[in-house]
Amino acid sequence: MPRVLGALDSASLWASSLAIPVLADRVRHERRSDFDSRDGKLMTLFACSKMLRPYAHLEDPRQEPARRMAEQVVKELQAG
């Protein structure tokens, strides 16, 4: 269970930093072990889904990076 919580923390931190791309990249780099795990991928999708829900603010600068990341992670999960 702790691995899931660490992955959730990392995904939440990354999602919160998406408006500042350099910071978001740093979070992904610094916590790559969380993001590379299956739990990390699932938590990244969870964080993306919170920003991409139907009633999200269309002007949110985090939406497009979140959409791209969600597509990438889905492909990675499907590939196994």
C-alpha atoms as a PDB file:
ATOM      1  CA  MET A   1       0.000   0.000   0.000  1.00  0.00           C
ATOM      2  CA  PRO A   2       2.741   2.584   0.732  1.00  0.00           C
ATOM      3  CA  ARG A   3       3.941   2.388  -2.894  1.00  0.00           C
ATOM      4  CA  VAL A   4       0.484   3.431  -4.073  1.00  0.00           C
ATOM      5  CA  LEU A   5       0.484   6.365  -1.666  1.00  0.00           C
ATOM      6  CA  GLY A   6       3.909   7.491  -2.863  1.00  0.00           C
ATOM      7  CA  ALA A   7       2.726   7.234  -6.461  1.00  0.00           C
ATOM      8  CA  LEU A   8      -0.387   9.258  -5.619  1.00  0.00           C
ATOM      9  CA  ASP A   9       1.721  11.941  -3.927  1.00  0.00           C
ATOM     10  CA  SER A  10       4.020  12.140  -6.948  1.00  0.00           C
ATOM     11  CA  ALA A  11       1.158  12.256  -9.443  1.00  0.00           C
ATOM     12  CA  SER A  12      -0.611  14.955  -7.435  1.00  0.00           C
ATOM     13  CA  LEU A  13       2.546  17.039  -7.198  1.00  0.00           C
ATOM     14  CA  TRP A  14       3.150  16.654 -10.934  1.00  0.00           C
ATOM     15  CA  ALA A  15      -0.451  17.611 -11.775  1.00  0.00           C
ATOM     16  CA  SER A  16      -0.270  20.676  -9.552  1.00  0.00           C
ATOM     17  CA  SER A  17       2.909  21.816 -11.294  1.00  0.00           C
ATOM     18  CA  LEU A  18       1.692  21.402 -14.889  1.00  0.00           C
ATOM     19  CA  ALA A  19       1.128  25.136 -15.345  1.00  0.00           C
ATOM     20  CA  ILE A  20       4.920  25.511 -15.005  1.00  0.00           C
ATOM     21  CA  PRO A  21       6.331  22.967 -17.496  1.00  0.00           C
ATOM     22  CA  VAL A  22       9.916  23.137 -16.195  1.00  0.00           C
ATOM     23  CA  LEU A  23       8.706  22.300 -12.700  1.00  0.00           C
ATOM     24  CA  ALA A  24       6.462  19.479 -13.950  1.00  0.00           C
ATOM     25  CA  ASP A  25       9.421  17.988 -15.846  1.00  0.00           C
ATOM     26  CA  ARG A  26      11.560  18.186 -12.734  1.00  0.00           C
ATOM     27  CA  VAL A  27       8.927  16.427 -10.635  1.00  0.00           C
ATOM     28  CA  ARG A  28       8.737  13.611 -13.198  1.00  0.00           C
ATOM     29  CA  HIS A  29      12.523  13.347 -13.258  1.00  0.00           C
ATOM     30  CA  GLU A  30      13.029  13.460  -9.493  1.00  0.00           C
ATOM     31  CA  ARG A  31      10.259  10.938  -8.823  1.00  0.00           C
ATOM     32  CA  ARG A  32      10.638   8.774 -11.911  1.00  0.00           C
ATOM     33  CA  SER A  33      10.705   5.575  -9.874  1.00  0.00           C
ATOM     34  CA  ASP A  34       7.129   6.333  -8.785  1.00  0.00           C
ATOM     35  CA  PHE A  35       6.014   7.224 -12.309  1.00  0.00           C
ATOM     36  CA  ASP A  36       7.630   4.171 -13.907  1.00  0.00           C
ATOM     37  CA  SER A  37       5.685   1.722 -11.750  1.00  0.00           C
ATOM     38  CA  ARG A  38       2.228   0.451 -12.657  1.00  0.00           C
ATOM     39  CA  ASP A  39       0.870   2.176  -9.554  1.00  0.00           C
ATOM     40  CA  GLY A  40       2.499   5.402 -10.733  1.00  0.00           C
ATOM     41  CA  LYS A  41       0.924   5.138 -14.153  1.00  0.00           C
ATOM     42  CA  LEU A  42      -2.511   4.505 -12.644  1.00  0.00           C
ATOM     43  CA  MET A  43      -2.157   7.410 -10.225  1.00  0.00           C
ATOM     44  CA  THR A  44      -1.002   9.646 -13.094  1.00  0.00           C
ATOM     45  CA  LEU A  45      -4.186   8.740 -14.968  1.00  0.00           C
ATOM     46  CA  PHE A  46      -6.195   9.487 -11.837  1.00  0.00           C
ATOM     47  CA  ALA A  47      -4.558  12.925 -11.521  1.00  0.00           C
ATOM     48  CA  CYS A  48      -5.149  13.632 -15.214  1.00  0.00           C
ATOM     49  CA  SER A  49      -8.789  12.587 -14.994  1.00  0.00           C
ATOM     50  CA  LYS A  50      -9.402  15.140 -12.265  1.00  0.00           C
ATOM     51  CA  MET A  51      -8.277  17.907 -14.645  1.00  0.00           C
ATOM     52  CA  LEU A  52     -10.028  16.542 -17.728  1.00  0.00           C
ATOM     53  CA  ARG A  53     -13.490  15.919 -16.308  1.00  0.00           C
ATOM     54  CA  PRO A  54     -16.445  17.359 -18.259  1.00  0.00           C
ATOM     55  CA  TYR A  55     -16.953  20.355 -15.980  1.00  0.00           C
ATOM     56  CA  ALA A  56     -13.282  21.403 -15.812  1.00  0.00           C
ATOM     57  CA  HIS A  57     -12.311  24.963 -16.644  1.00  0.00           C
ATOM     58  CA  LEU A  58     -11.485  25.151 -20.342  1.00  0.00           C
ATOM     59  CA  GLU A  59      -8.897  27.890 -19.739  1.00  0.00           C
ATOM     60  CA  ASP A  60      -6.890  25.742 -17.325  1.00  0.00           C
ATOM     61  CA  PRO A  61      -3.353  25.627 -18.799  1.00  0.00           C
ATOM     62  CA  ARG A  62      -2.866  22.163 -17.301  1.00  0.00           C
ATOM     63  CA  GLN A  63      -5.523  20.539 -19.490  1.00  0.00           C
ATOM     64  CA  GLU A  64      -3.517  20.017 -22.676  1.00  0.00           C
ATOM     65  CA  PRO A  65      -0.405  18.589 -20.955  1.00  0.00           C
ATOM     66  CA  ALA A  66      -2.690  16.358 -18.862  1.00  0.00           C
ATOM     67  CA  ARG A  67      -4.479  15.138 -21.987  1.00  0.00           C
ATOM     68  CA  ARG A  68      -1.183  14.304 -23.707  1.00  0.00           C
ATOM     69  CA  MET A  69       0.119  12.500 -20.632  1.00  0.00           C
ATOM     70  CA  ALA A  70      -3.100  10.517 -20.224  1.00  0.00           C
ATOM     71  CA  GLU A  71      -2.869   9.332 -23.830  1.00  0.00           C
ATOM     72  CA  GLN A  72       0.771   8.345 -23.358  1.00  0.00           C
ATOM     73  CA  VAL A  73       0.133   6.463 -20.117  1.00  0.00           C
ATOM     74  CA  VAL A  74      -2.837   4.575 -21.592  1.00  0.00           C
ATOM     75  CA  LYS A  75      -0.598   3.410 -24.449  1.00  0.00           C
ATOM     76  CA  GLU A  76       2.105   2.320 -21.984  1.00  0.00           C
ATOM     77  CA  LEU A  77      -0.405   0.387 -19.879  1.00  0.00           C
ATOM     78  CA  GLN A  78      -1.900  -1.288 -22.943  1.00  0.00           C
ATOM     79  CA  ALA A  79       1.571  -2.318 -24.116  1.00  0.00           C
ATOM     80  CA  GLY A  80       2.091  -4.066 -20.789  1.00  0.00           C
END
